[in-house]
Amino acid sequence: MQDRVKGPAIALIIVGALGGALQLFGLVASASMASIYRTMGLPEEQLQRLEGAGSLIVTIVMGALGLAGSAFIIFGGLQMMKLRGWPIALIAAILAMIPCFSSCACFLGIPAGIWAIVVLANHQVKAAFQSNSNTPMS
């Protein structure tokens, strides 16, 4: 049964890792741009227009949520590979398809999430998860 879940589990792990890397890159780029704007010596009025009211805070919060989502997707993929935590694997598959949790949702996250959900919905796969844990499944 592990052969059946291995492919979509690896796909979820890849989506989570790429999403996390892109989120981290976005955070670093945003912080760097804010620093560059300040060192350019632009007038405060121009800085406020470039940065927007609280946009750096919003960027940091969204980046942190994206990183947390990516970490959960990786965790869900690892759980799926071990045939443990069916609900966690299902939630990770769903999160992989949402753009704010997976920066690469359009071209990788949606197919990986659908693949994982289809495999997780299989009765034999559910039974394998059930035999590896005491967690009830719906």
Protein backbone atom coordinates (compact mmCIF):
# COMPACT_ATOMS: atom_id res chain seq x y z
CA MET A 1 0.00 0.00 0.00
CA GLN A 2 2.93 2.33 0.57
CA ASP A 3 3.72 2.14 -3.14
CA ARG A 4 0.29 3.59 -3.82
CA VAL A 5 0.77 6.63 -1.55
CA LYS A 6 4.47 7.21 -2.22
CA GLY A 7 4.03 9.24 -5.43
CA PRO A 8 1.45 11.74 -4.19
CA ALA A 9 3.22 11.98 -0.81
CA ILE A 10 6.49 12.92 -2.52
CA ALA A 11 4.58 15.40 -4.71
CA LEU A 12 3.15 17.06 -1.57
CA ILE A 13 6.61 17.26 -0.01
CA ILE A 14 8.01 18.87 -3.17
CA VAL A 15 5.12 21.36 -3.34
CA GLY A 16 5.64 22.26 0.33
CA ALA A 17 9.40 22.64 -0.06
CA LEU A 18 9.13 24.79 -3.19
CA GLY A 19 6.34 26.86 -1.65
CA GLY A 20 8.37 27.43 1.51
CA ALA A 21 11.46 28.40 -0.47
CA LEU A 22 9.45 30.87 -2.56
CA GLN A 23 7.79 32.33 0.54
CA LEU A 24 11.18 32.76 2.19
CA PHE A 25 12.58 34.38 -0.95
CA GLY A 26 9.61 36.77 -1.04
CA LEU A 27 10.14 37.77 2.59
CA VAL A 28 13.84 38.41 2.05
CA ALA A 29 13.15 40.36 -1.16
CA SER A 30 10.52 42.52 0.54
CA ALA A 31 12.80 43.31 3.46
CA SER A 32 15.65 44.07 1.06
CA MET A 33 13.52 46.42 -1.03
CA ALA A 34 12.38 48.30 2.06
CA SER A 35 16.01 48.69 3.08
CA ILE A 36 17.04 49.82 -0.41
CA TYR A 37 14.28 52.42 -0.50
CA ARG A 38 15.48 53.82 2.82
CA THR A 39 19.16 53.97 1.81
CA MET A 40 18.33 55.73 -1.48
CA GLY A 41 17.50 58.78 0.58
CA LEU A 42 14.04 59.23 -0.89
CA PRO A 43 11.79 61.78 0.78
CA GLU A 44 9.47 60.32 3.42
CA GLU A 45 6.39 61.10 1.32
CA GLN A 46 7.76 59.05 -1.58
CA LEU A 47 8.75 56.19 0.77
CA GLN A 48 5.21 56.01 2.10
CA ARG A 49 3.81 55.76 -1.42
CA LEU A 50 6.29 53.02 -2.36
CA GLU A 51 5.89 50.98 0.81
CA GLY A 52 2.19 51.58 1.37
CA ALA A 53 0.54 51.85 4.75
CA GLY A 54 1.61 48.79 6.70
CA SER A 55 2.45 46.78 3.59
CA LEU A 56 5.66 45.43 5.13
CA ILE A 57 3.70 44.13 8.12
CA VAL A 58 1.13 42.52 5.81
CA THR A 59 3.94 40.98 3.76
CA ILE A 60 5.59 39.54 6.87
CA VAL A 61 2.30 38.13 8.22
CA MET A 62 1.34 36.60 4.85
CA GLY A 63 4.87 35.22 4.43
CA ALA A 64 4.77 33.65 7.89
CA LEU A 65 1.37 32.07 7.14
CA GLY A 66 2.71 30.80 3.83
CA LEU A 67 5.77 29.30 5.53
CA ALA A 68 3.59 27.63 8.16
CA GLY A 69 1.29 26.27 5.44
CA SER A 70 4.26 24.96 3.47
CA ALA A 71 5.66 23.28 6.58
CA PHE A 72 2.27 21.64 7.20
CA ILE A 73 2.12 20.41 3.60
CA ILE A 74 5.56 18.82 4.02
CA PHE A 75 4.46 17.27 7.33
CA GLY A 76 1.27 15.95 5.73
CA GLY A 77 3.26 14.42 2.89
CA LEU A 78 5.58 12.71 5.36
CA GLN A 79 2.60 11.41 7.35
CA MET A 80 1.02 10.12 4.15
CA MET A 81 4.20 8.31 3.20
CA LYS A 82 4.20 6.56 6.60
CA LEU A 83 0.46 5.76 6.31
CA ARG A 84 -0.23 7.74 9.49
CA GLY A 85 -2.50 10.69 10.14
CA TRP A 86 -5.04 10.37 7.33
CA PRO A 87 -6.81 13.66 8.28
CA ILE A 88 -3.47 15.49 8.34
CA ALA A 89 -2.56 14.14 4.91
CA LEU A 90 -5.98 15.18 3.57
CA ILE A 91 -5.69 18.71 4.98
CA ALA A 92 -2.17 19.00 3.53
CA ALA A 93 -3.48 17.94 0.12
CA ILE A 94 -6.18 20.61 0.28
CA LEU A 95 -3.71 23.29 1.44
CA ALA A 96 -1.37 22.40 -1.43
CA MET A 97 -4.07 23.58 -3.84
CA ILE A 98 -4.56 26.99 -2.19
CA PRO A 99 -2.26 29.70 -3.61
CA CYS A 100 -1.61 31.53 -0.32
CA PHE A 101 -0.25 28.34 1.30
CA SER A 102 1.61 27.06 -1.71
CA SER A 103 3.28 29.62 -3.95
CA CYS A 104 3.43 27.03 -6.72
CA ALA A 105 -0.24 26.03 -6.36
CA CYS A 106 -1.25 26.60 -9.95
CA PHE A 107 1.24 24.43 -11.77
CA LEU A 108 2.22 21.89 -9.08
CA GLY A 109 -0.03 22.19 -6.05
CA ILE A 110 -3.35 21.60 -7.76
CA PRO A 111 -2.34 18.38 -9.57
CA ALA A 112 -0.45 17.10 -6.50
CA GLY A 113 -3.38 17.92 -4.21
CA ILE A 114 -5.93 16.26 -6.49
CA TRP A 115 -3.71 13.19 -6.88
CA ALA A 116 -3.27 12.92 -3.10
CA ILE A 117 -7.01 13.35 -2.44
CA VAL A 118 -7.92 10.69 -5.01
CA VAL A 119 -5.45 8.24 -3.45
CA LEU A 120 -6.53 9.11 0.11
CA ALA A 121 -10.20 8.55 -0.80
CA ASN A 122 -9.50 4.95 -1.84
CA HIS A 123 -11.03 2.46 0.63
CA GLN A 124 -7.93 0.24 0.66
CA VAL A 125 -5.70 3.23 1.42
CA LYS A 126 -8.05 4.34 4.21
CA ALA A 127 -7.90 0.82 5.66
CA ALA A 128 -4.10 0.89 5.55
CA PHE A 129 -4.08 4.21 7.44
CA GLN A 130 -6.61 2.82 9.92
CA SER A 131 -4.46 -0.26 10.61
CA ASN A 132 -1.43 1.97 11.32
CA SER A 133 -3.20 4.27 13.77
CA ASN A 134 -6.14 4.51 16.11
CA THR A 135 -7.43 7.70 14.53
CA PRO A 136 -11.01 7.41 13.25
CA MET A 137 -11.57 8.42 9.65
CA SER A 138 -14.65 9.84 7.98
